């Protein structure tokens, strides 16, 4: 990590009366909670596949190109 970022995190932790490790742990807990919350709002089948393409580099432009190839040719 960037040393300046680490220093800012230490200062922030100090002002909050906690540790950098605790801030990071709390952040990961929030990520898990947000992910769970989003998936609970979705139908079960949709929730089971939500996010599977994030690591595949798929974006709106990829999808648009796919649809154009599929339906316009």
C-alpha atoms as a PDB file:
ATOM      1  CA  UNK A   1       0.000   0.000   0.000  1.00  0.00           C
ATOM      2  CA  UNK A   2       0.953   3.588  -0.493  1.00  0.00           C
ATOM      3  CA  UNK A   3       2.855   4.822   2.592  1.00  0.00           C
ATOM      4  CA  UNK A   4       0.901   8.098   2.597  1.00  0.00           C
ATOM      5  CA  UNK A   5      -2.357   6.125   2.635  1.00  0.00           C
ATOM      6  CA  UNK A   6      -1.151   4.033   5.556  1.00  0.00           C
ATOM      7  CA  UNK A   7      -0.183   7.167   7.456  1.00  0.00           C
ATOM      8  CA  UNK A   8      -3.608   8.727   6.856  1.00  0.00           C
ATOM      9  CA  UNK A   9      -5.255   5.515   8.028  1.00  0.00           C
ATOM     10  CA  UNK A  10      -3.172   5.541  11.207  1.00  0.00           C
ATOM     11  CA  UNK A  11      -4.114   9.154  11.925  1.00  0.00           C
ATOM     12  CA  UNK A  12      -7.769   8.400  11.303  1.00  0.00           C
ATOM     13  CA  UNK A  13      -7.650   5.366  13.567  1.00  0.00           C
ATOM     14  CA  UNK A  14      -5.990   7.405  16.288  1.00  0.00           C
ATOM     15  CA  UNK A  15      -8.653  10.124  16.137  1.00  0.00           C
ATOM     16  CA  UNK A  16     -11.364   7.457  16.300  1.00  0.00           C
ATOM     17  CA  UNK A  17      -9.670   5.642  19.188  1.00  0.00           C
ATOM     18  CA  UNK A  18      -9.270   2.397  17.277  1.00  0.00           C
ATOM     19  CA  UNK A  19      -6.693   0.538  15.187  1.00  0.00           C
ATOM     20  CA  UNK A  20      -6.154   0.337  11.452  1.00  0.00           C
ATOM     21  CA  UNK A  21      -6.806  -3.400  11.671  1.00  0.00           C
ATOM     22  CA  UNK A  22     -10.195  -2.749  13.276  1.00  0.00           C
ATOM     23  CA  UNK A  23     -11.097  -0.203  10.582  1.00  0.00           C
ATOM     24  CA  UNK A  24     -10.199  -2.718   7.865  1.00  0.00           C
ATOM     25  CA  UNK A  25     -12.143  -5.506   9.605  1.00  0.00           C
ATOM     26  CA  UNK A  26     -15.183  -3.228   9.950  1.00  0.00           C
ATOM     27  CA  UNK A  27     -14.938  -2.327   6.276  1.00  0.00           C
ATOM     28  CA  UNK A  28     -14.932  -5.978   5.222  1.00  0.00           C
ATOM     29  CA  UNK A  29     -17.899  -6.622   7.484  1.00  0.00           C
ATOM     30  CA  UNK A  30     -19.769  -3.790   5.773  1.00  0.00           C
ATOM     31  CA  UNK A  31     -18.933  -5.243   2.367  1.00  0.00           C
ATOM     32  CA  UNK A  32     -20.354  -8.613   3.373  1.00  0.00           C
ATOM     33  CA  UNK A  33     -23.480  -6.993   4.798  1.00  0.00           C
ATOM     34  CA  UNK A  34     -24.040  -4.873   1.682  1.00  0.00           C
ATOM     35  CA  UNK A  35     -23.578  -7.882  -0.593  1.00  0.00           C
ATOM     36  CA  UNK A  36     -26.024  -9.925   1.465  1.00  0.00           C
ATOM     37  CA  UNK A  37     -28.528  -7.062   1.547  1.00  0.00           C
ATOM     38  CA  UNK A  38     -28.423  -6.626  -2.229  1.00  0.00           C
ATOM     39  CA  UNK A  39     -28.827 -10.323  -2.863  1.00  0.00           C
ATOM     40  CA  UNK A  40     -31.778 -10.586  -0.471  1.00  0.00           C
ATOM     41  CA  UNK A  41     -33.660  -8.039  -2.580  1.00  0.00           C
ATOM     42  CA  UNK A  42     -33.253 -10.207  -5.677  1.00  0.00           C
ATOM     43  CA  UNK A  43     -35.198 -13.315  -6.631  1.00  0.00           C
ATOM     44  CA  UNK A  44     -33.246 -16.471  -5.638  1.00  0.00           C
ATOM     45  CA  UNK A  45     -32.171 -17.428  -9.162  1.00  0.00           C
ATOM     46  CA  UNK A  46     -31.000 -13.896  -9.956  1.00  0.00           C
ATOM     47  CA  UNK A  47     -29.150 -13.634  -6.628  1.00  0.00           C
ATOM     48  CA  UNK A  48     -27.317 -16.880  -7.368  1.00  0.00           C
ATOM     49  CA  UNK A  49     -25.758 -15.449 -10.534  1.00  0.00           C
ATOM     50  CA  UNK A  50     -25.387 -11.806  -9.493  1.00  0.00           C
ATOM     51  CA  UNK A  51     -21.834 -10.599 -10.060  1.00  0.00           C
ATOM     52  CA  UNK A  52     -20.488 -13.671 -11.844  1.00  0.00           C
ATOM     53  CA  UNK A  53     -19.203 -11.624 -14.777  1.00  0.00           C
ATOM     54  CA  UNK A  54     -17.425  -8.929 -12.781  1.00  0.00           C
ATOM     55  CA  UNK A  55     -14.070 -10.633 -13.125  1.00  0.00           C
ATOM     56  CA  UNK A  56     -14.608 -11.364 -16.835  1.00  0.00           C
ATOM     57  CA  UNK A  57     -14.225  -7.777 -18.008  1.00  0.00           C
ATOM     58  CA  UNK A  58     -17.840  -7.602 -19.185  1.00  0.00           C
ATOM     59  CA  UNK A  59     -19.311  -4.132 -19.368  1.00  0.00           C
ATOM     60  CA  UNK A  60     -22.185  -2.339 -21.085  1.00  0.00           C
ATOM     61  CA  UNK A  61     -20.200  -1.914 -24.287  1.00  0.00           C
ATOM     62  CA  UNK A  62     -19.412  -5.655 -24.441  1.00  0.00           C
ATOM     63  CA  UNK A  63     -23.069  -6.459 -23.930  1.00  0.00           C
ATOM     64  CA  UNK A  64     -24.187  -3.908 -26.525  1.00  0.00           C
ATOM     65  CA  UNK A  65     -21.778  -5.396 -29.075  1.00  0.00           C
ATOM     66  CA  UNK A  66     -23.046  -8.883 -28.284  1.00  0.00           C
ATOM     67  CA  UNK A  67     -26.667  -7.827 -28.815  1.00  0.00           C
ATOM     68  CA  UNK A  68     -25.850  -6.032 -32.058  1.00  0.00           C
ATOM     69  CA  UNK A  69     -24.094  -9.134 -33.416  1.00  0.00           C
ATOM     70  CA  UNK A  70     -26.894 -11.392 -32.293  1.00  0.00           C
ATOM     71  CA  UNK A  71     -29.863  -9.383 -33.536  1.00  0.00           C
ATOM     72  CA  UNK A  72     -28.623  -7.076 -36.277  1.00  0.00           C
ATOM     73  CA  UNK A  73     -26.707  -9.551 -38.412  1.00  0.00           C
END
